[in-house]
């Protein structure tokens, strides 16, 4: 679960949660998670709570898979949420539309 939390933290924040940990002593002396200030990156309280729970140092206090799955952040649905920047990628243009494609588009009113 800790590894999944580290991956999620990296995907959301853009850096490793604790930087590079080189020794066992560094691992034992982990400080609380530091999130970027709101002027840099606005994070919801739900994602912060989830990351803190997934990255808890003591395994018995770490979130379980069931708790992650049922967390507020994991179950959020919002029109404001945008995944990736796929809309910025230039899409290839077609040379021509095929007859079957026109039929499917008409059927599904696309």
C-alpha atoms as a PDB file:
ATOM      1  CA  UNK A   1       0.000   0.000   0.000  1.00  0.00           C
ATOM      2  CA  UNK A   2       2.892   2.346   0.801  1.00  0.00           C
ATOM      3  CA  UNK A   3       4.248   1.898  -2.719  1.00  0.00           C
ATOM      4  CA  UNK A   4       0.857   2.690  -4.244  1.00  0.00           C
ATOM      5  CA  UNK A   5       0.741   5.818  -2.088  1.00  0.00           C
ATOM      6  CA  UNK A   6       4.203   6.812  -3.298  1.00  0.00           C
ATOM      7  CA  UNK A   7       3.129   6.349  -6.923  1.00  0.00           C
ATOM      8  CA  UNK A   8      -0.086   8.336  -6.392  1.00  0.00           C
ATOM      9  CA  UNK A   9       1.835  11.099  -4.586  1.00  0.00           C
ATOM     10  CA  UNK A  10       4.299  11.294  -7.481  1.00  0.00           C
ATOM     11  CA  UNK A  11       1.486  11.416 -10.044  1.00  0.00           C
ATOM     12  CA  UNK A  12      -0.427  14.122  -8.163  1.00  0.00           C
ATOM     13  CA  UNK A  13       2.448  16.254  -6.858  1.00  0.00           C
ATOM     14  CA  UNK A  14       5.130  15.577  -9.466  1.00  0.00           C
ATOM     15  CA  UNK A  15       7.905  14.506  -7.091  1.00  0.00           C
ATOM     16  CA  UNK A  16       8.689  11.662  -4.691  1.00  0.00           C
ATOM     17  CA  UNK A  17       7.015  12.000  -1.281  1.00  0.00           C
ATOM     18  CA  UNK A  18      10.236  12.046   0.754  1.00  0.00           C
ATOM     19  CA  UNK A  19      12.851  12.606  -1.912  1.00  0.00           C
ATOM     20  CA  UNK A  20      15.513   9.951  -2.208  1.00  0.00           C
ATOM     21  CA  UNK A  21      15.927   7.852   0.952  1.00  0.00           C
ATOM     22  CA  UNK A  22      19.456   6.455   1.093  1.00  0.00           C
ATOM     23  CA  UNK A  23      19.774   4.832   4.514  1.00  0.00           C
ATOM     24  CA  UNK A  24      17.673   2.904   6.995  1.00  0.00           C
ATOM     25  CA  UNK A  25      18.109   5.753   9.497  1.00  0.00           C
ATOM     26  CA  UNK A  26      16.613   8.205   7.000  1.00  0.00           C
ATOM     27  CA  UNK A  27      13.668   5.854   6.500  1.00  0.00           C
ATOM     28  CA  UNK A  28      13.049   5.672  10.260  1.00  0.00           C
ATOM     29  CA  UNK A  29      13.177   9.435  10.672  1.00  0.00           C
ATOM     30  CA  UNK A  30      10.610  10.276   8.016  1.00  0.00           C
ATOM     31  CA  UNK A  31       9.000  13.625   8.619  1.00  0.00           C
ATOM     32  CA  UNK A  32       5.315  14.355   7.988  1.00  0.00           C
ATOM     33  CA  UNK A  33       4.383  14.760   4.336  1.00  0.00           C
ATOM     34  CA  UNK A  34       4.943  18.232   2.972  1.00  0.00           C
ATOM     35  CA  UNK A  35       2.474  19.363   0.338  1.00  0.00           C
ATOM     36  CA  UNK A  36       3.153  22.284  -2.006  1.00  0.00           C
ATOM     37  CA  UNK A  37       1.567  25.584  -0.939  1.00  0.00           C
ATOM     38  CA  UNK A  38      -1.804  26.455  -2.546  1.00  0.00           C
ATOM     39  CA  UNK A  39      -0.096  29.151  -4.619  1.00  0.00           C
ATOM     40  CA  UNK A  40       1.808  26.353  -6.391  1.00  0.00           C
ATOM     41  CA  UNK A  41      -0.714  23.493  -6.446  1.00  0.00           C
ATOM     42  CA  UNK A  42      -4.250  23.390  -5.081  1.00  0.00           C
ATOM     43  CA  UNK A  43      -5.003  20.003  -3.525  1.00  0.00           C
ATOM     44  CA  UNK A  44      -8.291  18.872  -2.034  1.00  0.00           C
ATOM     45  CA  UNK A  45      -8.406  17.812   1.597  1.00  0.00           C
ATOM     46  CA  UNK A  46      -9.630  14.411   0.374  1.00  0.00           C
ATOM     47  CA  UNK A  47      -6.491  13.672  -1.650  1.00  0.00           C
ATOM     48  CA  UNK A  48      -4.249  14.929   1.161  1.00  0.00           C
ATOM     49  CA  UNK A  49      -6.004  12.663   3.664  1.00  0.00           C
ATOM     50  CA  UNK A  50      -5.704   9.695   1.292  1.00  0.00           C
ATOM     51  CA  UNK A  51      -1.992  10.264   0.670  1.00  0.00           C
ATOM     52  CA  UNK A  52      -1.250  10.669   4.386  1.00  0.00           C
ATOM     53  CA  UNK A  53      -3.140   7.425   5.103  1.00  0.00           C
ATOM     54  CA  UNK A  54      -1.434   5.471   2.332  1.00  0.00           C
ATOM     55  CA  UNK A  55       2.031   6.727   3.286  1.00  0.00           C
ATOM     56  CA  UNK A  56       1.748   6.156   7.048  1.00  0.00           C
ATOM     57  CA  UNK A  57       5.072   4.832   8.350  1.00  0.00           C
ATOM     58  CA  UNK A  58       3.546   2.330  10.802  1.00  0.00           C
ATOM     59  CA  UNK A  59       1.966  -0.469   8.705  1.00  0.00           C
ATOM     60  CA  UNK A  60      -0.874  -1.054  11.188  1.00  0.00           C
ATOM     61  CA  UNK A  61      -2.012   2.571  10.823  1.00  0.00           C
ATOM     62  CA  UNK A  62      -1.658   2.582   7.035  1.00  0.00           C
ATOM     63  CA  UNK A  63      -4.817   2.542   4.925  1.00  0.00           C
ATOM     64  CA  UNK A  64      -6.003  -0.823   3.658  1.00  0.00           C
ATOM     65  CA  UNK A  65      -7.010  -1.409   0.058  1.00  0.00           C
ATOM     66  CA  UNK A  66     -10.658  -1.409   1.118  1.00  0.00           C
ATOM     67  CA  UNK A  67     -10.262   1.950   2.868  1.00  0.00           C
ATOM     68  CA  UNK A  68      -8.555   3.430  -0.201  1.00  0.00           C
ATOM     69  CA  UNK A  69     -11.270   2.073  -2.472  1.00  0.00           C
ATOM     70  CA  UNK A  70     -13.976   3.628  -0.294  1.00  0.00           C
ATOM     71  CA  UNK A  71     -12.192   6.930   0.338  1.00  0.00           C
ATOM     72  CA  UNK A  72     -13.907  10.196  -0.555  1.00  0.00           C
ATOM     73  CA  UNK A  73     -11.269  11.128  -3.126  1.00  0.00           C
ATOM     74  CA  UNK A  74     -11.426   7.768  -4.883  1.00  0.00           C
ATOM     75  CA  UNK A  75     -15.212   8.004  -5.212  1.00  0.00           C
ATOM     76  CA  UNK A  76     -15.435  11.658  -6.234  1.00  0.00           C
ATOM     77  CA  UNK A  77     -17.276  12.500  -9.419  1.00  0.00           C
ATOM     78  CA  UNK A  78     -16.996  16.009 -10.772  1.00  0.00           C
ATOM     79  CA  UNK A  79     -17.290  17.763 -14.096  1.00  0.00           C
ATOM     80  CA  UNK A  80     -14.375  19.945 -13.006  1.00  0.00           C
ATOM     81  CA  UNK A  81     -11.968  16.993 -12.915  1.00  0.00           C
ATOM     82  CA  UNK A  82      -9.806  16.815 -16.008  1.00  0.00           C
ATOM     83  CA  UNK A  83      -7.591  13.832 -16.579  1.00  0.00           C
ATOM     84  CA  UNK A  84      -4.422  14.632 -18.455  1.00  0.00           C
ATOM     85  CA  UNK A  85      -3.924  17.210 -21.142  1.00  0.00           C
ATOM     86  CA  UNK A  86      -5.096  15.040 -24.013  1.00  0.00           C
ATOM     87  CA  UNK A  87      -7.149  17.917 -25.407  1.00  0.00           C
ATOM     88  CA  UNK A  88      -3.914  19.778 -26.176  1.00  0.00           C
ATOM     89  CA  UNK A  89      -2.606  17.014 -28.430  1.00  0.00           C
ATOM     90  CA  UNK A  90      -3.218  17.625 -32.111  1.00  0.00           C
ATOM     91  CA  UNK A  91      -5.378  14.859 -33.482  1.00  0.00           C
ATOM     92  CA  UNK A  92      -4.573  13.362 -36.882  1.00  0.00           C
ATOM     93  CA  UNK A  93      -6.882  14.441 -39.685  1.00  0.00           C
ATOM     94  CA  UNK A  94      -8.678  11.937 -41.855  1.00  0.00           C
ATOM     95  CA  UNK A  95      -8.312  11.992 -45.575  1.00  0.00           C
ATOM     96  CA  UNK A  96     -11.949  10.997 -46.042  1.00  0.00           C
ATOM     97  CA  UNK A  97     -14.861   9.479 -44.114  1.00  0.00           C
ATOM     98  CA  UNK A  98     -15.887   5.939 -44.992  1.00  0.00           C
ATOM     99  CA  UNK A  99     -19.477   4.892 -45.612  1.00  0.00           C
ATOM    100  CA  UNK A 100     -19.553   2.599 -42.556  1.00  0.00           C
ATOM    101  CA  UNK A 101     -18.234   5.408 -40.362  1.00  0.00           C
ATOM    102  CA  UNK A 102     -20.993   7.739 -41.562  1.00  0.00           C
ATOM    103  CA  UNK A 103     -23.603   5.044 -40.782  1.00  0.00           C
ATOM    104  CA  UNK A 104     -22.306   4.523 -37.247  1.00  0.00           C
ATOM    105  CA  UNK A 105     -22.139   8.280 -36.619  1.00  0.00           C
ATOM    106  CA  UNK A 106     -25.699   8.690 -37.858  1.00  0.00           C
ATOM    107  CA  UNK A 107     -26.907   5.770 -35.739  1.00  0.00           C
ATOM    108  CA  UNK A 108     -25.351   7.174 -32.555  1.00  0.00           C
ATOM    109  CA  UNK A 109     -26.033  10.785 -33.530  1.00  0.00           C
ATOM    110  CA  UNK A 110     -22.398  11.771 -33.297  1.00  0.00           C
END
